């Protein structure tokens, strides 16, 4: 239709919502300042690509910048991503 622009919606979700094997881009950490600093030290900054490798009881093994890291479910829920 003429005159109608397509508006793309970027939907964010917690990292724990992604299925195993999928990748996303980190948008923000909604945790406390100490948690944000901890994750930044591991290379988990906004704009960074993250891939879910495996899950066990809600805890995740992820790949960030060619490194595998383990995240507790609580920490993973504070990382918001876009696919």
PDB file of N, CA and C in Angstrom:
ATOM      1  N   UNK A   1       0.827  -1.181   0.000  1.00  0.00           N
ATOM      2  CA  UNK A   1       0.000   0.000   0.000  1.00  0.00           C
ATOM      3  C   UNK A   1       0.872   1.246   0.000  1.00  0.00           C
ATOM      4  N   UNK A   2       0.403   2.248  -0.697  1.00  0.00           N
ATOM      5  CA  UNK A   2       1.154   3.495  -0.742  1.00  0.00           C
ATOM      6  C   UNK A   2       0.990   4.267   0.556  1.00  0.00           C
ATOM      7  N   UNK A   3       2.062   4.928   0.927  1.00  0.00           N
ATOM      8  CA  UNK A   3       1.995   5.799   2.087  1.00  0.00           C
ATOM      9  C   UNK A   3       2.131   5.101   3.429  1.00  0.00           C
ATOM     10  N   UNK A   4       2.238   3.786   3.427  1.00  0.00           N
ATOM     11  CA  UNK A   4       2.388   3.061   4.693  1.00  0.00           C
ATOM     12  C   UNK A   4       3.831   2.613   4.825  1.00  0.00           C
ATOM     13  N   UNK A   5       4.454   2.992   5.930  1.00  0.00           N
ATOM     14  CA  UNK A   5       5.835   2.596   6.183  1.00  0.00           C
ATOM     15  C   UNK A   5       5.849   1.362   7.066  1.00  0.00           C
ATOM     16  N   UNK A   6       6.802   0.516   6.784  1.00  0.00           N
ATOM     17  CA  UNK A   6       6.957  -0.675   7.620  1.00  0.00           C
ATOM     18  C   UNK A   6       7.780  -0.291   8.841  1.00  0.00           C
ATOM     19  N   UNK A   7       7.267  -0.570   9.990  1.00  0.00           N
ATOM     20  CA  UNK A   7       7.962  -0.277  11.238  1.00  0.00           C
ATOM     21  C   UNK A   7       8.442  -1.596  11.819  1.00  0.00           C
ATOM     22  N   UNK A   8       9.755  -1.726  11.976  1.00  0.00           N
ATOM     23  CA  UNK A   8      10.302  -2.943  12.559  1.00  0.00           C
ATOM     24  C   UNK A   8      10.309  -2.817  14.068  1.00  0.00           C
ATOM     25  N   UNK A   9       9.855  -3.870  14.706  1.00  0.00           N
ATOM     26  CA  UNK A   9       9.870  -3.909  16.167  1.00  0.00           C
ATOM     27  C   UNK A   9      11.034  -4.774  16.607  1.00  0.00           C
ATOM     28  N   UNK A  10      11.816  -4.251  17.473  1.00  0.00           N
ATOM     29  CA  UNK A  10      12.917  -5.017  18.042  1.00  0.00           C
ATOM     30  C   UNK A  10      12.450  -5.492  19.403  1.00  0.00           C
ATOM     31  N   UNK A  11      12.295  -6.802  19.530  1.00  0.00           N
ATOM     32  CA  UNK A  11      11.807  -7.352  20.786  1.00  0.00           C
ATOM     33  C   UNK A  11      12.952  -7.925  21.586  1.00  0.00           C
ATOM     34  N   UNK A  12      13.090  -7.424  22.793  1.00  0.00           N
ATOM     35  CA  UNK A  12      14.116  -7.928  23.691  1.00  0.00           C
ATOM     36  C   UNK A  12      13.526  -9.032  24.555  1.00  0.00           C
ATOM     37  N   UNK A  13      14.395  -9.945  24.970  1.00  0.00           N
ATOM     38  CA  UNK A  13      13.990 -11.030  25.856  1.00  0.00           C
ATOM     39  C   UNK A  13      15.178 -11.411  26.725  1.00  0.00           C
ATOM     40  N   UNK A  14      14.912 -12.035  27.878  1.00  0.00           N
ATOM     41  CA  UNK A  14      16.036 -12.494  28.690  1.00  0.00           C
ATOM     42  C   UNK A  14      16.759 -13.634  27.979  1.00  0.00           C
ATOM     43  N   UNK A  15      18.029 -13.751  28.224  1.00  0.00           N
ATOM     44  CA  UNK A  15      18.857 -14.776  27.598  1.00  0.00           C
ATOM     45  C   UNK A  15      18.289 -16.174  27.831  1.00  0.00           C
ATOM     46  N   UNK A  16      17.666 -16.399  28.958  1.00  0.00           N
ATOM     47  CA  UNK A  16      17.127 -17.718  29.301  1.00  0.00           C
ATOM     48  C   UNK A  16      15.990 -18.157  28.380  1.00  0.00           C
ATOM     49  N   UNK A  17      15.425 -17.258  27.598  1.00  0.00           N
ATOM     50  CA  UNK A  17      14.329 -17.598  26.687  1.00  0.00           C
ATOM     51  C   UNK A  17      14.813 -18.190  25.365  1.00  0.00           C
ATOM     52  N   UNK A  18      16.103 -18.069  25.068  1.00  0.00           N
ATOM     53  CA  UNK A  18      16.631 -18.572  23.804  1.00  0.00           C
ATOM     54  C   UNK A  18      16.791 -20.090  23.838  1.00  0.00           C
ATOM     55  N   UNK A  19      16.483 -20.755  22.733  1.00  0.00           N
ATOM     56  CA  UNK A  19      16.719 -22.201  22.661  1.00  0.00           C
ATOM     57  C   UNK A  19      18.211 -22.509  22.477  1.00  0.00           C
ATOM     58  N   UNK A  20      18.604 -23.712  22.844  1.00  0.00           N
ATOM     59  CA  UNK A  20      19.990 -24.152  22.682  1.00  0.00           C
ATOM     60  C   UNK A  20      20.383 -24.064  21.215  1.00  0.00           C
ATOM     61  N   UNK A  21      21.575 -23.563  20.976  1.00  0.00           N
ATOM     62  CA  UNK A  21      22.099 -23.435  19.617  1.00  0.00           C
ATOM     63  C   UNK A  21      21.815 -22.104  18.961  1.00  0.00           C
ATOM     64  N   UNK A  22      20.984 -21.277  19.568  1.00  0.00           N
ATOM     65  CA  UNK A  22      20.662 -19.997  18.945  1.00  0.00           C
ATOM     66  C   UNK A  22      21.615 -18.899  19.418  1.00  0.00           C
ATOM     67  N   UNK A  23      21.718 -17.874  18.572  1.00  0.00           N
ATOM     68  CA  UNK A  23      22.580 -16.729  18.860  1.00  0.00           C
ATOM     69  C   UNK A  23      21.744 -15.461  18.936  1.00  0.00           C
ATOM     70  N   UNK A  24      22.247 -14.503  19.671  1.00  0.00           N
ATOM     71  CA  UNK A  24      21.563 -13.217  19.811  1.00  0.00           C
ATOM     72  C   UNK A  24      22.607 -12.148  20.115  1.00  0.00           C
ATOM     73  N   UNK A  25      22.151 -10.910  20.137  1.00  0.00           N
ATOM     74  CA  UNK A  25      23.010  -9.778  20.470  1.00  0.00           C
ATOM     75  C   UNK A  25      22.597  -9.226  21.825  1.00  0.00           C
ATOM     76  N   UNK A  26      23.564  -9.056  22.702  1.00  0.00           N
ATOM     77  CA  UNK A  26      23.288  -8.505  24.030  1.00  0.00           C
ATOM     78  C   UNK A  26      22.884  -7.040  23.883  1.00  0.00           C
ATOM     79  N   UNK A  27      21.778  -6.673  24.515  1.00  0.00           N
ATOM     80  CA  UNK A  27      21.313  -5.282  24.488  1.00  0.00           C
ATOM     81  C   UNK A  27      21.555  -4.576  25.812  1.00  0.00           C
ATOM     82  N   UNK A  28      21.272  -5.269  26.925  1.00  0.00           N
ATOM     83  CA  UNK A  28      21.469  -4.627  28.224  1.00  0.00           C
ATOM     84  C   UNK A  28      21.487  -5.657  29.340  1.00  0.00           C
ATOM     85  N   UNK A  29      22.038  -5.226  30.468  1.00  0.00           N
ATOM     86  CA  UNK A  29      21.994  -6.030  31.684  1.00  0.00           C
ATOM     87  C   UNK A  29      21.105  -5.290  32.666  1.00  0.00           C
ATOM     88  N   UNK A  30      20.094  -5.973  33.150  1.00  0.00           N
ATOM     89  CA  UNK A  30      19.147  -5.350  34.077  1.00  0.00           C
ATOM     90  C   UNK A  30      19.448  -5.695  35.528  1.00  0.00           C
ATOM     91  N   UNK A  31      20.665  -6.098  35.785  1.00  0.00           N
ATOM     92  CA  UNK A  31      21.064  -6.463  37.143  1.00  0.00           C
ATOM     93  C   UNK A  31      21.642  -5.289  37.902  1.00  0.00           C
ATOM     94  N   UNK A  32      22.118  -5.594  39.103  1.00  0.00           N
ATOM     95  CA  UNK A  32      22.767  -4.585  39.932  1.00  0.00           C
ATOM     96  C   UNK A  32      24.091  -4.175  39.299  1.00  0.00           C
ATOM     97  N   UNK A  33      24.631  -3.081  39.769  1.00  0.00           N
ATOM     98  CA  UNK A  33      25.884  -2.555  39.247  1.00  0.00           C
ATOM     99  C   UNK A  33      27.012  -3.589  39.345  1.00  0.00           C
ATOM    100  N   UNK A  34      27.076  -4.318  40.454  1.00  0.00           N
ATOM    101  CA  UNK A  34      28.139  -5.317  40.612  1.00  0.00           C
ATOM    102  C   UNK A  34      27.994  -6.440  39.580  1.00  0.00           C
ATOM    103  N   UNK A  35      26.761  -6.823  39.282  1.00  0.00           N
ATOM    104  CA  UNK A  35      26.527  -7.857  38.269  1.00  0.00           C
ATOM    105  C   UNK A  35      26.924  -7.350  36.893  1.00  0.00           C
ATOM    106  N   UNK A  36      26.566  -6.123  36.573  1.00  0.00           N
ATOM    107  CA  UNK A  36      26.943  -5.535  35.276  1.00  0.00           C
ATOM    108  C   UNK A  36      28.456  -5.491  35.110  1.00  0.00           C
ATOM    109  N   UNK A  37      29.150  -5.063  36.150  1.00  0.00           N
ATOM    110  CA  UNK A  37      30.609  -4.984  36.084  1.00  0.00           C
ATOM    111  C   UNK A  37      31.222  -6.375  35.919  1.00  0.00           C
ATOM    112  N   UNK A  38      30.676  -7.368  36.615  1.00  0.00           N
ATOM    113  CA  UNK A  38      31.148  -8.746  36.503  1.00  0.00           C
ATOM    114  C   UNK A  38      31.001  -9.244  35.064  1.00  0.00           C
ATOM    115  N   UNK A  39      29.820  -9.031  34.482  1.00  0.00           N
ATOM    116  CA  UNK A  39      29.562  -9.483  33.116  1.00  0.00           C
ATOM    117  C   UNK A  39      30.416  -8.728  32.104  1.00  0.00           C
ATOM    118  N   UNK A  40      30.617  -7.443  32.319  1.00  0.00           N
ATOM    119  CA  UNK A  40      31.481  -6.661  31.428  1.00  0.00           C
ATOM    120  C   UNK A  40      32.908  -7.206  31.460  1.00  0.00           C
ATOM    121  N   UNK A  41      33.357  -7.613  32.637  1.00  0.00           N
ATOM    122  CA  UNK A  41      34.690  -8.187  32.779  1.00  0.00           C
ATOM    123  C   UNK A  41      34.844  -9.498  32.013  1.00  0.00           C
ATOM    124  N   UNK A  42      33.733 -10.195  31.796  1.00  0.00           N
ATOM    125  CA  UNK A  42      33.734 -11.438  31.028  1.00  0.00           C
ATOM    126  C   UNK A  42      33.544 -11.185  29.532  1.00  0.00           C
ATOM    127  N   UNK A  43      33.404  -9.911  29.160  1.00  0.00           N
ATOM    128  CA  UNK A  43      33.238  -9.567  27.746  1.00  0.00           C
ATOM    129  C   UNK A  43      31.802  -9.474  27.288  1.00  0.00           C
ATOM    130  N   UNK A  44      30.864  -9.527  28.217  1.00  0.00           N
ATOM    131  CA  UNK A  44      29.441  -9.461  27.861  1.00  0.00           C
ATOM    132  C   UNK A  44      28.965  -8.021  27.900  1.00  0.00           C
ATOM    133  N   UNK A  45      29.250  -7.316  26.810  1.00  0.00           N
ATOM    134  CA  UNK A  45      28.894  -5.908  26.672  1.00  0.00           C
ATOM    135  C   UNK A  45      27.747  -5.757  25.686  1.00  0.00           C
ATOM    136  N   UNK A  46      26.969  -4.674  25.785  1.00  0.00           N
ATOM    137  CA  UNK A  46      25.936  -4.435  24.776  1.00  0.00           C
ATOM    138  C   UNK A  46      26.548  -4.437  23.375  1.00  0.00           C
ATOM    139  N   UNK A  47      25.867  -5.116  22.453  1.00  0.00           N
ATOM    140  CA  UNK A  47      26.340  -5.225  21.089  1.00  0.00           C
ATOM    141  C   UNK A  47      27.134  -6.493  20.813  1.00  0.00           C
ATOM    142  N   UNK A  48      27.458  -7.249  21.854  1.00  0.00           N
ATOM    143  CA  UNK A  48      28.245  -8.473  21.703  1.00  0.00           C
ATOM    144  C   UNK A  48      27.336  -9.645  21.340  1.00  0.00           C
ATOM    145  N   UNK A  49      27.814 -10.483  20.427  1.00  0.00           N
ATOM    146  CA  UNK A  49      27.093 -11.694  20.022  1.00  0.00           C
ATOM    147  C   UNK A  49      27.276 -12.767  21.090  1.00  0.00           C
ATOM    148  N   UNK A  50      26.201 -13.489  21.421  1.00  0.00           N
ATOM    149  CA  UNK A  50      26.244 -14.562  22.414  1.00  0.00           C
ATOM    150  C   UNK A  50      25.473 -15.756  21.867  1.00  0.00           C
ATOM    151  N   UNK A  51      26.001 -16.963  22.095  1.00  0.00           N
ATOM    152  CA  UNK A  51      25.377 -18.198  21.604  1.00  0.00           C
ATOM    153  C   UNK A  51      25.159 -19.148  22.772  1.00  0.00           C
ATOM    154  N   UNK A  52      23.966 -19.766  22.827  1.00  0.00           N
ATOM    155  CA  UNK A  52      23.662 -20.746  23.864  1.00  0.00           C
ATOM    156  C   UNK A  52      24.228 -22.091  23.418  1.00  0.00           C
ATOM    157  N   UNK A  53      25.132 -22.653  24.210  1.00  0.00           N
ATOM    158  CA  UNK A  53      25.744 -23.942  23.894  1.00  0.00           C
ATOM    159  C   UNK A  53      24.960 -25.086  24.539  1.00  0.00           C
ATOM    160  N   UNK A  54      24.649 -24.952  25.820  1.00  0.00           N
ATOM    161  CA  UNK A  54      23.874 -25.986  26.511  1.00  0.00           C
ATOM    162  C   UNK A  54      23.191 -25.392  27.738  1.00  0.00           C
ATOM    163  N   UNK A  55      22.287 -26.192  28.309  1.00  0.00           N
ATOM    164  CA  UNK A  55      21.510 -25.771  29.472  1.00  0.00           C
ATOM    165  C   UNK A  55      21.360 -26.965  30.404  1.00  0.00           C
ATOM    166  N   UNK A  56      21.487 -26.706  31.702  1.00  0.00           N
ATOM    167  CA  UNK A  56      21.305 -27.751  32.701  1.00  0.00           C
ATOM    168  C   UNK A  56      20.641 -27.138  33.928  1.00  0.00           C
ATOM    169  N   UNK A  57      19.391 -27.478  34.142  1.00  0.00           N
ATOM    170  CA  UNK A  57      18.666 -26.950  35.290  1.00  0.00           C
ATOM    171  C   UNK A  57      18.498 -25.446  35.263  1.00  0.00           C
ATOM    172  N   UNK A  58      18.462 -24.859  34.078  1.00  0.00           N
ATOM    173  CA  UNK A  58      18.310 -23.414  33.948  1.00  0.00           C
ATOM    174  C   UNK A  58      19.634 -22.683  33.829  1.00  0.00           C
ATOM    175  N   UNK A  59      20.723 -23.303  34.275  1.00  0.00           N
ATOM    176  CA  UNK A  59      22.048 -22.712  34.134  1.00  0.00           C
ATOM    177  C   UNK A  59      22.518 -22.903  32.697  1.00  0.00           C
ATOM    178  N   UNK A  60      23.260 -21.936  32.178  1.00  0.00           N
ATOM    179  CA  UNK A  60      23.633 -21.950  30.768  1.00  0.00           C
ATOM    180  C   UNK A  60      25.141 -22.006  30.563  1.00  0.00           C
ATOM    181  N   UNK A  61      25.546 -22.679  29.503  1.00  0.00           N
ATOM    182  CA  UNK A  61      26.898 -22.570  28.968  1.00  0.00           C
ATOM    183  C   UNK A  61      26.744 -21.756  27.687  1.00  0.00           C
ATOM    184  N   UNK A  62      27.467 -20.648  27.611  1.00  0.00           N
ATOM    185  CA  UNK A  62      27.358 -19.752  26.458  1.00  0.00           C
ATOM    186  C   UNK A  62      28.721 -19.551  25.820  1.00  0.00           C
ATOM    187  N   UNK A  63      28.695 -19.113  24.580  1.00  0.00           N
ATOM    188  CA  UNK A  63      29.921 -18.770  23.859  1.00  0.00           C
ATOM    189  C   UNK A  63      29.885 -17.269  23.585  1.00  0.00           C
ATOM    190  N   UNK A  64      30.911 -16.572  24.070  1.00  0.00           N
ATOM    191  CA  UNK A  64      31.055 -15.135  23.863  1.00  0.00           C
ATOM    192  C   UNK A  64      32.503 -14.876  23.447  1.00  0.00           C
ATOM    193  N   UNK A  65      32.689 -14.295  22.285  1.00  0.00           N
ATOM    194  CA  UNK A  65      34.031 -13.959  21.794  1.00  0.00           C
ATOM    195  C   UNK A  65      34.955 -15.175  21.839  1.00  0.00           C
ATOM    196  N   UNK A  66      34.500 -16.299  21.314  1.00  0.00           N
ATOM    197  CA  UNK A  66      35.278 -17.540  21.241  1.00  0.00           C
ATOM    198  C   UNK A  66      35.634 -18.141  22.597  1.00  0.00           C
ATOM    199  N   UNK A  67      34.948 -17.744  23.653  1.00  0.00           N
ATOM    200  CA  UNK A  67      35.151 -18.321  24.986  1.00  0.00           C
ATOM    201  C   UNK A  67      33.849 -18.928  25.466  1.00  0.00           C
ATOM    202  N   UNK A  68      33.947 -20.075  26.128  1.00  0.00           N
ATOM    203  CA  UNK A  68      32.765 -20.699  26.735  1.00  0.00           C
ATOM    204  C   UNK A  68      32.699 -20.297  28.202  1.00  0.00           C
ATOM    205  N   UNK A  69      31.523 -19.855  28.610  1.00  0.00           N
ATOM    206  CA  UNK A  69      31.323 -19.387  29.978  1.00  0.00           C
ATOM    207  C   UNK A  69      30.073 -20.023  30.564  1.00  0.00           C
ATOM    208  N   UNK A  70      30.087 -20.277  31.852  1.00  0.00           N
ATOM    209  CA  UNK A  70      28.922 -20.795  32.554  1.00  0.00           C
ATOM    210  C   UNK A  70      28.227 -19.641  33.270  1.00  0.00           C
ATOM    211  N   UNK A  71      26.905 -19.574  33.113  1.00  0.00           N
ATOM    212  CA  UNK A  71      26.105 -18.544  33.786  1.00  0.00           C
ATOM    213  C   UNK A  71      24.995 -19.209  34.588  1.00  0.00           C
ATOM    214  N   UNK A  72      24.810 -18.744  35.804  1.00  0.00           N
ATOM    215  CA  UNK A  72      23.675 -19.244  36.581  1.00  0.00           C
ATOM    216  C   UNK A  72      22.388 -18.727  35.951  1.00  0.00           C
ATOM    217  N   UNK A  73      21.299 -19.391  36.245  1.00  0.00           N
ATOM    218  CA  UNK A  73      20.006 -18.978  35.714  1.00  0.00           C
ATOM    219  C   UNK A  73      19.687 -17.539  36.125  1.00  0.00           C
ATOM    220  N   UNK A  74      19.992 -17.203  37.372  1.00  0.00           N
ATOM    221  CA  UNK A  74      19.714 -15.858  37.875  1.00  0.00           C
ATOM    222  C   UNK A  74      20.457 -14.771  37.121  1.00  0.00           C
ATOM    223  N   UNK A  75      21.720 -15.010  36.825  1.00  0.00           N
ATOM    224  CA  UNK A  75      22.507 -14.032  36.074  1.00  0.00           C
ATOM    225  C   UNK A  75      22.027 -13.979  34.627  1.00  0.00           C
ATOM    226  N   UNK A  76      21.764 -15.148  34.025  1.00  0.00           N
ATOM    227  CA  UNK A  76      21.322 -15.203  32.625  1.00  0.00           C
ATOM    228  C   UNK A  76      19.994 -14.472  32.429  1.00  0.00           C
ATOM    229  N   UNK A  77      19.128 -14.488  33.438  1.00  0.00           N
ATOM    230  CA  UNK A  77      17.838 -13.802  33.329  1.00  0.00           C
ATOM    231  C   UNK A  77      17.993 -12.288  33.308  1.00  0.00           C
ATOM    232  N   UNK A  78      19.118 -11.800  33.766  1.00  0.00           N
ATOM    233  CA  UNK A  78      19.339 -10.356  33.797  1.00  0.00           C
ATOM    234  C   UNK A  78      19.947  -9.824  32.518  1.00  0.00           C
ATOM    235  N   UNK A  79      20.414 -10.725  31.638  1.00  0.00           N
ATOM    236  CA  UNK A  79      20.959 -10.322  30.341  1.00  0.00           C
ATOM    237  C   UNK A  79      19.831 -10.321  29.326  1.00  0.00           C
ATOM    238  N   UNK A  80      19.534  -9.161  28.747  1.00  0.00           N
ATOM    239  CA  UNK A  80      18.468  -9.034  27.750  1.00  0.00           C
ATOM    240  C   UNK A  80      19.101  -8.935  26.375  1.00  0.00           C
ATOM    241  N   UNK A  81      18.538  -9.692  25.445  1.00  0.00           N
ATOM    242  CA  UNK A  81      19.106  -9.830  24.105  1.00  0.00           C
ATOM    243  C   UNK A  81      18.051  -9.623  23.034  1.00  0.00           C
ATOM    244  N   UNK A  82      18.512  -9.426  21.789  1.00  0.00           N
ATOM    245  CA  UNK A  82      17.640  -9.404  20.619  1.00  0.00           C
ATOM    246  C   UNK A  82      18.176 -10.437  19.636  1.00  0.00           C
ATOM    247  N   UNK A  83      17.262 -11.120  18.955  1.00  0.00           N
ATOM    248  CA  UNK A  83      17.649 -12.139  17.985  1.00  0.00           C
ATOM    249  C   UNK A  83      17.840 -11.491  16.636  1.00  0.00           C
TER     250      UNK A  83
END
